[in-house]
């Protein structure tokens, strides 16, 4: 298993958000939700709006 490091540079985070925003709003929202809550994408995908 590979080790991953957090993205700490705010400029890199903004670039990632712009790239994701260009594809779909869903992807950007999942990214923002994940970085603000520290959740993995697998945990976010299991969430359902009730």
C-alpha atoms as a PDB file:
ATOM      1  CA  UNK A   1       0.000   0.000   0.000  1.00  0.00           C
ATOM      2  CA  UNK A   2       1.286   3.458  -0.875  1.00  0.00           C
ATOM      3  CA  UNK A   3       1.499   6.306   1.584  1.00  0.00           C
ATOM      4  CA  UNK A   4      -0.223   9.558   0.649  1.00  0.00           C
ATOM      5  CA  UNK A   5       0.477  13.040   1.928  1.00  0.00           C
ATOM      6  CA  UNK A   6      -2.083  15.794   2.556  1.00  0.00           C
ATOM      7  CA  UNK A   7      -2.270  18.772   0.207  1.00  0.00           C
ATOM      8  CA  UNK A   8      -1.304  21.709   2.422  1.00  0.00           C
ATOM      9  CA  UNK A   9      -0.650  24.369  -0.203  1.00  0.00           C
ATOM     10  CA  UNK A  10      -3.784  26.521  -0.614  1.00  0.00           C
ATOM     11  CA  UNK A  11      -2.813  27.460  -4.169  1.00  0.00           C
ATOM     12  CA  UNK A  12      -2.728  23.782  -5.187  1.00  0.00           C
ATOM     13  CA  UNK A  13      -6.120  23.254  -3.561  1.00  0.00           C
ATOM     14  CA  UNK A  14      -7.595  26.164  -5.539  1.00  0.00           C
ATOM     15  CA  UNK A  15      -6.157  24.763  -8.787  1.00  0.00           C
ATOM     16  CA  UNK A  16      -7.688  21.362  -8.058  1.00  0.00           C
ATOM     17  CA  UNK A  17     -11.045  22.983  -7.299  1.00  0.00           C
ATOM     18  CA  UNK A  18     -10.977  24.899 -10.603  1.00  0.00           C
ATOM     19  CA  UNK A  19     -10.177  21.729 -12.539  1.00  0.00           C
ATOM     20  CA  UNK A  20     -12.986  19.852 -10.809  1.00  0.00           C
ATOM     21  CA  UNK A  21     -15.408  22.756 -11.282  1.00  0.00           C
ATOM     22  CA  UNK A  22     -14.732  22.594 -15.031  1.00  0.00           C
ATOM     23  CA  UNK A  23     -15.781  18.932 -15.122  1.00  0.00           C
ATOM     24  CA  UNK A  24     -18.792  18.733 -12.786  1.00  0.00           C
ATOM     25  CA  UNK A  25     -20.063  20.547  -9.737  1.00  0.00           C
ATOM     26  CA  UNK A  26     -20.512  17.167  -8.002  1.00  0.00           C
ATOM     27  CA  UNK A  27     -16.787  16.412  -8.155  1.00  0.00           C
ATOM     28  CA  UNK A  28     -15.865  19.803  -6.759  1.00  0.00           C
ATOM     29  CA  UNK A  29     -18.388  19.491  -3.941  1.00  0.00           C
ATOM     30  CA  UNK A  30     -17.130  16.024  -2.990  1.00  0.00           C
ATOM     31  CA  UNK A  31     -13.552  17.333  -2.942  1.00  0.00           C
ATOM     32  CA  UNK A  32     -14.421  20.361  -0.798  1.00  0.00           C
ATOM     33  CA  UNK A  33     -16.514  18.263   1.565  1.00  0.00           C
ATOM     34  CA  UNK A  34     -13.716  15.726   1.876  1.00  0.00           C
ATOM     35  CA  UNK A  35     -10.922  18.198   2.586  1.00  0.00           C
ATOM     36  CA  UNK A  36     -13.004  20.123   5.104  1.00  0.00           C
ATOM     37  CA  UNK A  37     -14.149  17.020   6.995  1.00  0.00           C
ATOM     38  CA  UNK A  38     -11.190  14.708   6.518  1.00  0.00           C
ATOM     39  CA  UNK A  39     -13.371  11.987   5.003  1.00  0.00           C
ATOM     40  CA  UNK A  40     -12.221   9.538   2.382  1.00  0.00           C
ATOM     41  CA  UNK A  41     -14.041   9.422  -0.934  1.00  0.00           C
ATOM     42  CA  UNK A  42     -15.287   5.906  -0.158  1.00  0.00           C
ATOM     43  CA  UNK A  43     -17.023   7.259   2.953  1.00  0.00           C
ATOM     44  CA  UNK A  44     -18.492  10.181   1.028  1.00  0.00           C
ATOM     45  CA  UNK A  45     -19.855   7.925  -1.711  1.00  0.00           C
ATOM     46  CA  UNK A  46     -21.807   5.944   0.886  1.00  0.00           C
ATOM     47  CA  UNK A  47     -23.649   9.066   2.113  1.00  0.00           C
ATOM     48  CA  UNK A  48     -27.197   9.615   0.863  1.00  0.00           C
ATOM     49  CA  UNK A  49     -29.358  12.691   1.054  1.00  0.00           C
ATOM     50  CA  UNK A  50     -32.437  11.860   3.029  1.00  0.00           C
END
